[in-house]
Amino acid sequence: MAETIPPDIKADLEKAALLHQRASSDYEKCQQFNKLMSELLTRLEDSGCYQTADRVMGILIDCNPKQGTQCDKALRIGDKMKKFERDNESK
């Protein structure tokens, strides 16, 4: 059975995807992205959307903001976010 993601969470997932596009070379945006995704993980679990929460957790595992350096996993996380967006558009 497909998960039904609440509209407010879906909107924040879209916001996170846009934020990540600007985060790879901006430490503050990277921190904002990480914080938003962490909050989304909790909200998804509270909503019973465990499959989507698992995917967010996979992104967070790779997301480790470091000040003064460019994200070495930006492309990998970006690819995951794009796939995430495509998959959520169909839901």
C-alpha atoms as a PDB file:
ATOM      1  CA  MET A   1       0.000   0.000   0.000  1.00  0.00           C
ATOM      2  CA  ALA A   2       1.327   3.434  -0.956  1.00  0.00           C
ATOM      3  CA  GLU A   3       2.003   5.934   1.781  1.00  0.00           C
ATOM      4  CA  THR A   4      -0.051   9.083   2.022  1.00  0.00           C
ATOM      5  CA  ILE A   5       2.314  11.875   2.941  1.00  0.00           C
ATOM      6  CA  PRO A   6       0.542  14.808   4.625  1.00  0.00           C
ATOM      7  CA  PRO A   7       0.516  17.961   2.456  1.00  0.00           C
ATOM      8  CA  ASP A   8       2.537  20.050   4.948  1.00  0.00           C
ATOM      9  CA  ILE A   9       5.305  17.434   5.018  1.00  0.00           C
ATOM     10  CA  LYS A  10       5.223  17.146   1.236  1.00  0.00           C
ATOM     11  CA  ALA A  11       5.655  20.932   0.955  1.00  0.00           C
ATOM     12  CA  ASP A  12       8.627  20.828   3.332  1.00  0.00           C
ATOM     13  CA  LEU A  13      10.201  17.993   1.345  1.00  0.00           C
ATOM     14  CA  GLU A  14       9.976  20.188  -1.751  1.00  0.00           C
ATOM     15  CA  LYS A  15      11.485  23.070   0.224  1.00  0.00           C
ATOM     16  CA  ALA A  16      14.352  20.791   1.308  1.00  0.00           C
ATOM     17  CA  ALA A  17      15.027  19.789  -2.297  1.00  0.00           C
ATOM     18  CA  LEU A  18      15.272  23.434  -3.368  1.00  0.00           C
ATOM     19  CA  LEU A  19      17.422  24.259  -0.363  1.00  0.00           C
ATOM     20  CA  HIS A  20      19.852  21.467  -1.181  1.00  0.00           C
ATOM     21  CA  GLN A  21      20.408  22.866  -4.671  1.00  0.00           C
ATOM     22  CA  ARG A  22      21.918  25.946  -2.983  1.00  0.00           C
ATOM     23  CA  ALA A  23      23.563  24.147  -0.063  1.00  0.00           C
ATOM     24  CA  SER A  24      26.536  22.371  -1.621  1.00  0.00           C
ATOM     25  CA  SER A  25      28.818  25.387  -1.378  1.00  0.00           C
ATOM     26  CA  ASP A  26      27.075  27.317   1.411  1.00  0.00           C
ATOM     27  CA  TYR A  27      27.662  25.991   4.926  1.00  0.00           C
ATOM     28  CA  GLU A  28      24.674  27.810   6.466  1.00  0.00           C
ATOM     29  CA  LYS A  29      22.301  26.462   3.802  1.00  0.00           C
ATOM     30  CA  CYS A  30      23.791  23.016   4.323  1.00  0.00           C
ATOM     31  CA  GLN A  31      23.054  23.243   8.035  1.00  0.00           C
ATOM     32  CA  GLN A  32      19.505  24.427   7.291  1.00  0.00           C
ATOM     33  CA  PHE A  33      19.006  21.491   4.933  1.00  0.00           C
ATOM     34  CA  ASN A  34      20.303  19.011   7.513  1.00  0.00           C
ATOM     35  CA  LYS A  35      18.083  20.475  10.254  1.00  0.00           C
ATOM     36  CA  LEU A  36      14.995  20.484   8.033  1.00  0.00           C
ATOM     37  CA  MET A  37      15.574  16.887   6.963  1.00  0.00           C
ATOM     38  CA  SER A  38      16.034  15.846  10.609  1.00  0.00           C
ATOM     39  CA  GLU A  39      12.747  17.503  11.521  1.00  0.00           C
ATOM     40  CA  LEU A  40      11.051  15.873   8.531  1.00  0.00           C
ATOM     41  CA  LEU A  41      12.324  12.468   9.626  1.00  0.00           C
ATOM     42  CA  THR A  42      10.590  12.856  12.984  1.00  0.00           C
ATOM     43  CA  ARG A  43       7.379  14.135  11.406  1.00  0.00           C
ATOM     44  CA  LEU A  44       7.323  11.309   8.858  1.00  0.00           C
ATOM     45  CA  GLU A  45       7.787   8.705  11.582  1.00  0.00           C
ATOM     46  CA  ASP A  46       5.047  10.341  13.685  1.00  0.00           C
ATOM     47  CA  SER A  47       2.749  10.211  10.617  1.00  0.00           C
ATOM     48  CA  GLY A  48       3.470   6.533  10.028  1.00  0.00           C
ATOM     49  CA  CYS A  49       5.256   7.163   6.716  1.00  0.00           C
ATOM     50  CA  TYR A  50       8.059   4.748   7.505  1.00  0.00           C
ATOM     51  CA  GLN A  51       9.166   4.027   3.939  1.00  0.00           C
ATOM     52  CA  THR A  52       9.668   7.713   3.220  1.00  0.00           C
ATOM     53  CA  ALA A  53      11.291   8.196   6.638  1.00  0.00           C
ATOM     54  CA  ASP A  54      13.795   5.471   5.728  1.00  0.00           C
ATOM     55  CA  ARG A  55      14.709   7.346   2.553  1.00  0.00           C
ATOM     56  CA  VAL A  56      15.163  10.588   4.493  1.00  0.00           C
ATOM     57  CA  MET A  57      17.374   8.705   6.951  1.00  0.00           C
ATOM     58  CA  GLY A  58      19.482   7.473   4.026  1.00  0.00           C
ATOM     59  CA  ILE A  59      19.995  11.067   2.916  1.00  0.00           C
ATOM     60  CA  LEU A  60      20.871  12.175   6.446  1.00  0.00           C
ATOM     61  CA  ILE A  61      23.474   9.431   6.745  1.00  0.00           C
ATOM     62  CA  ASP A  62      25.362  11.030   3.846  1.00  0.00           C
ATOM     63  CA  CYS A  63      24.740  14.622   4.974  1.00  0.00           C
ATOM     64  CA  ASN A  64      27.465  15.865   7.296  1.00  0.00           C
ATOM     65  CA  PRO A  65      27.861  19.667   7.156  1.00  0.00           C
ATOM     66  CA  LYS A  66      31.453  20.846   7.605  1.00  0.00           C
ATOM     67  CA  GLN A  67      32.402  24.493   7.862  1.00  0.00           C
ATOM     68  CA  GLY A  68      34.975  25.790   5.411  1.00  0.00           C
ATOM     69  CA  THR A  69      34.736  22.902   2.959  1.00  0.00           C
ATOM     70  CA  GLN A  70      32.579  22.057  -0.005  1.00  0.00           C
ATOM     71  CA  CYS A  71      30.299  19.074   0.504  1.00  0.00           C
ATOM     72  CA  ASP A  72      32.060  15.988  -0.811  1.00  0.00           C
ATOM     73  CA  LYS A  73      28.757  14.123  -1.137  1.00  0.00           C
ATOM     74  CA  ALA A  74      26.692  16.939  -2.667  1.00  0.00           C
ATOM     75  CA  LEU A  75      26.227  15.119  -5.986  1.00  0.00           C
ATOM     76  CA  ARG A  76      25.228  11.883  -4.290  1.00  0.00           C
ATOM     77  CA  ILE A  77      22.705  13.617  -2.023  1.00  0.00           C
ATOM     78  CA  GLY A  78      21.503  15.738  -4.959  1.00  0.00           C
ATOM     79  CA  ASP A  79      20.815  12.589  -6.969  1.00  0.00           C
ATOM     80  CA  LYS A  80      18.912  11.088  -4.036  1.00  0.00           C
ATOM     81  CA  MET A  81      16.875  14.277  -3.645  1.00  0.00           C
ATOM     82  CA  LYS A  82      16.013  14.349  -7.379  1.00  0.00           C
ATOM     83  CA  LYS A  83      14.866  10.738  -7.256  1.00  0.00           C
ATOM     84  CA  PHE A  84      12.957  11.506  -4.099  1.00  0.00           C
ATOM     85  CA  GLU A  85      11.188  14.426  -5.828  1.00  0.00           C
ATOM     86  CA  ARG A  86      10.277  12.332  -8.880  1.00  0.00           C
ATOM     87  CA  ASP A  87       8.904   9.541  -6.726  1.00  0.00           C
ATOM     88  CA  ASN A  88       6.871  11.938  -4.569  1.00  0.00           C
ATOM     89  CA  GLU A  89       5.366  13.718  -7.581  1.00  0.00           C
ATOM     90  CA  SER A  90       3.591  10.506  -8.493  1.00  0.00           C
ATOM     91  CA  LYS A  91       2.050  10.128  -5.005  1.00  0.00           C
END
